[in-house]
Amino acid sequence: MKNTLKSMLLVSALLMPMAGFAADGDSIGTKVEDSVITAKVKAAFAKDKAVSATDISVETDSNGLVQLTGHAKSRAEADKAVQLTKQVKGVTAVKDDIVVAQ
C-alpha cells in the first residue's frame, strides 16, 4: 500500500505542472523546467525510506531555488530531505523551512 501511495504521489507531481503555466509571467519553458525539478525532488523523497514524501512540500522558483516546507519526524529526516534535494540536477540552492516534531 505504501508503494501505491508513493506511485500516486509521483504521478500527481508529474501532472501538476500543467495547471500553473499562466502565472507569474515566466515562460512556459521556465515553468516546465521548475516543475521538472520539483517532480525529481519529490521522486527522490518517494524512493527514500527515511523521508516522508507526503509530509514535506517542495516548491521551485525560476532560479533553481527549492523551498522545502512541512513536517519531519526528526532532524535527521529533515537533513536527509535537504541532502536529496541538493543532489537533483538543476537545484541551485535549498531553503529549509521544515518543522521538526518535538
C-alpha atoms as a PDB file:
ATOM      1  CA  MET A   1       0.000   0.000   0.000  1.00  0.00           C
ATOM      2  CA  LYS A   2       2.891   2.354   0.785  1.00  0.00           C
ATOM      3  CA  ASN A   3       4.331   1.783  -2.705  1.00  0.00           C
ATOM      4  CA  THR A   4       0.927   2.528  -4.232  1.00  0.00           C
ATOM      5  CA  LEU A   5       0.774   5.816  -2.324  1.00  0.00           C
ATOM      6  CA  LYS A   6       4.285   6.703  -3.457  1.00  0.00           C
ATOM      7  CA  SER A   7       3.403   5.900  -7.061  1.00  0.00           C
ATOM      8  CA  MET A   8       0.254   8.011  -6.891  1.00  0.00           C
ATOM      9  CA  LEU A   9       2.231  10.885  -5.375  1.00  0.00           C
ATOM     10  CA  LEU A  10       4.829  10.677  -8.129  1.00  0.00           C
ATOM     11  CA  VAL A  11       2.216  10.651 -10.890  1.00  0.00           C
ATOM     12  CA  SER A  12       0.452  13.612  -9.281  1.00  0.00           C
ATOM     13  CA  ALA A  13       3.722  15.517  -9.030  1.00  0.00           C
ATOM     14  CA  LEU A  14       4.394  14.957 -12.709  1.00  0.00           C
ATOM     15  CA  LEU A  15       0.912  16.065 -13.796  1.00  0.00           C
ATOM     16  CA  MET A  16       0.511  19.136 -11.559  1.00  0.00           C
ATOM     17  CA  PRO A  17       2.790  21.461 -13.565  1.00  0.00           C
ATOM     18  CA  MET A  18       0.267  21.728 -16.374  1.00  0.00           C
ATOM     19  CA  ALA A  19      -2.056  23.732 -14.104  1.00  0.00           C
ATOM     20  CA  GLY A  20       0.144  26.762 -13.491  1.00  0.00           C
ATOM     21  CA  PHE A  21       1.702  27.864 -16.781  1.00  0.00           C
ATOM     22  CA  ALA A  22      -0.059  31.223 -16.982  1.00  0.00           C
ATOM     23  CA  ALA A  23       1.028  32.536 -13.563  1.00  0.00           C
ATOM     24  CA  ASP A  24       3.910  34.808 -12.599  1.00  0.00           C
ATOM     25  CA  GLY A  25       4.904  35.902 -16.110  1.00  0.00           C
ATOM     26  CA  ASP A  26       7.540  33.189 -16.523  1.00  0.00           C
ATOM     27  CA  SER A  27       7.824  31.488 -19.889  1.00  0.00           C
ATOM     28  CA  ILE A  28       6.329  28.048 -20.397  1.00  0.00           C
ATOM     29  CA  GLY A  29       9.844  26.648 -20.746  1.00  0.00           C
ATOM     30  CA  THR A  30      10.815  28.055 -17.361  1.00  0.00           C
ATOM     31  CA  LYS A  31       7.646  26.695 -15.762  1.00  0.00           C
ATOM     32  CA  VAL A  32       8.310  23.239 -17.183  1.00  0.00           C
ATOM     33  CA  GLU A  33      11.918  23.309 -16.006  1.00  0.00           C
ATOM     34  CA  ASP A  34      10.852  24.353 -12.471  1.00  0.00           C
ATOM     35  CA  SER A  35       8.186  21.657 -12.427  1.00  0.00           C
ATOM     36  CA  VAL A  36      10.662  19.015 -13.568  1.00  0.00           C
ATOM     37  CA  ILE A  37      12.998  19.912 -10.699  1.00  0.00           C
ATOM     38  CA  THR A  38      10.091  19.750  -8.232  1.00  0.00           C
ATOM     39  CA  ALA A  39       8.989  16.372  -9.612  1.00  0.00           C
ATOM     40  CA  LYS A  40      12.533  14.979  -9.411  1.00  0.00           C
ATOM     41  CA  VAL A  41      12.880  16.092  -5.776  1.00  0.00           C
ATOM     42  CA  LYS A  42       9.516  14.530  -4.884  1.00  0.00           C
ATOM     43  CA  ALA A  43      10.506  11.326  -6.670  1.00  0.00           C
ATOM     44  CA  ALA A  44      13.765  11.211  -4.684  1.00  0.00           C
ATOM     45  CA  PHE A  45      11.729  11.559  -1.472  1.00  0.00           C
ATOM     46  CA  ALA A  46       9.350   8.798  -2.563  1.00  0.00           C
ATOM     47  CA  LYS A  47      12.275   6.425  -3.210  1.00  0.00           C
ATOM     48  CA  ASP A  48      13.939   7.094   0.141  1.00  0.00           C
ATOM     49  CA  LYS A  49      12.588   5.243   3.180  1.00  0.00           C
ATOM     50  CA  ALA A  50      13.921   7.877   5.606  1.00  0.00           C
ATOM     51  CA  VAL A  51      11.919  10.780   4.127  1.00  0.00           C
ATOM     52  CA  SER A  52       8.142  11.197   4.134  1.00  0.00           C
ATOM     53  CA  ALA A  53       7.198  12.323   0.648  1.00  0.00           C
ATOM     54  CA  THR A  54       3.690  13.239   1.801  1.00  0.00           C
ATOM     55  CA  ASP A  55       4.679  15.446   4.763  1.00  0.00           C
ATOM     56  CA  ILE A  56       7.306  17.627   3.044  1.00  0.00           C
ATOM     57  CA  SER A  57       6.257  20.078   0.328  1.00  0.00           C
ATOM     58  CA  VAL A  58       8.556  21.172  -2.491  1.00  0.00           C
ATOM     59  CA  GLU A  59       8.436  24.437  -4.460  1.00  0.00           C
ATOM     60  CA  THR A  60      10.975  25.516  -7.080  1.00  0.00           C
ATOM     61  CA  ASP A  61      11.467  29.071  -8.372  1.00  0.00           C
ATOM     62  CA  SER A  62      12.770  30.080 -11.789  1.00  0.00           C
ATOM     63  CA  ASN A  63      16.344  30.320 -10.483  1.00  0.00           C
ATOM     64  CA  GLY A  64      16.501  26.721  -9.246  1.00  0.00           C
ATOM     65  CA  LEU A  65      15.947  27.644  -5.591  1.00  0.00           C
ATOM     66  CA  VAL A  66      13.957  24.870  -3.911  1.00  0.00           C
ATOM     67  CA  GLN A  67      11.955  25.624  -0.780  1.00  0.00           C
ATOM     68  CA  LEU A  68      11.095  22.703   1.488  1.00  0.00           C
ATOM     69  CA  THR A  69       8.190  23.118   3.920  1.00  0.00           C
ATOM     70  CA  GLY A  70       6.074  20.796   6.012  1.00  0.00           C
ATOM     71  CA  HIS A  71       6.860  18.477   8.888  1.00  0.00           C
ATOM     72  CA  ALA A  72       9.553  15.916   9.634  1.00  0.00           C
ATOM     73  CA  LYS A  73       9.639  13.367  12.439  1.00  0.00           C
ATOM     74  CA  SER A  74      13.274  14.153  13.234  1.00  0.00           C
ATOM     75  CA  ARG A  75      16.138  16.478  12.372  1.00  0.00           C
ATOM     76  CA  ALA A  76      17.759  13.521  10.584  1.00  0.00           C
ATOM     77  CA  GLU A  77      14.724  13.222   8.263  1.00  0.00           C
ATOM     78  CA  ALA A  78      14.792  16.965   7.514  1.00  0.00           C
ATOM     79  CA  ASP A  79      18.540  16.856   6.855  1.00  0.00           C
ATOM     80  CA  LYS A  80      18.100  13.862   4.532  1.00  0.00           C
ATOM     81  CA  ALA A  81      15.404  15.762   2.594  1.00  0.00           C
ATOM     82  CA  VAL A  82      17.803  18.690   2.122  1.00  0.00           C
ATOM     83  CA  GLN A  83      20.612  16.325   1.075  1.00  0.00           C
ATOM     84  CA  LEU A  84      18.401  14.568  -1.500  1.00  0.00           C
ATOM     85  CA  THR A  85      17.219  17.917  -2.855  1.00  0.00           C
ATOM     86  CA  LYS A  86      20.776  19.208  -3.331  1.00  0.00           C
ATOM     87  CA  GLN A  87      21.588  16.119  -5.420  1.00  0.00           C
ATOM     88  CA  VAL A  88      18.899  16.887  -8.030  1.00  0.00           C
ATOM     89  CA  LYS A  89      20.222  18.387 -11.257  1.00  0.00           C
ATOM     90  CA  GLY A  90      19.105  21.990 -11.687  1.00  0.00           C
ATOM     91  CA  VAL A  91      18.853  22.799  -7.974  1.00  0.00           C
ATOM     92  CA  THR A  92      20.941  25.887  -7.230  1.00  0.00           C
ATOM     93  CA  ALA A  93      20.058  26.293  -3.536  1.00  0.00           C
ATOM     94  CA  VAL A  94      17.767  24.832  -0.880  1.00  0.00           C
ATOM     95  CA  LYS A  95      15.718  26.810   1.638  1.00  0.00           C
ATOM     96  CA  ASP A  96      14.920  24.512   4.539  1.00  0.00           C
ATOM     97  CA  ASP A  97      11.670  25.566   6.237  1.00  0.00           C
ATOM     98  CA  ILE A  98      10.833  22.064   7.500  1.00  0.00           C
ATOM     99  CA  VAL A  99       9.384  21.962  11.016  1.00  0.00           C
ATOM    100  CA  VAL A 100      10.789  19.128  13.125  1.00  0.00           C
ATOM    101  CA  ALA A 101       8.415  17.399  15.553  1.00  0.00           C
ATOM    102  CA  GLN A 102       9.228  17.912  19.202  1.00  0.00           C
END
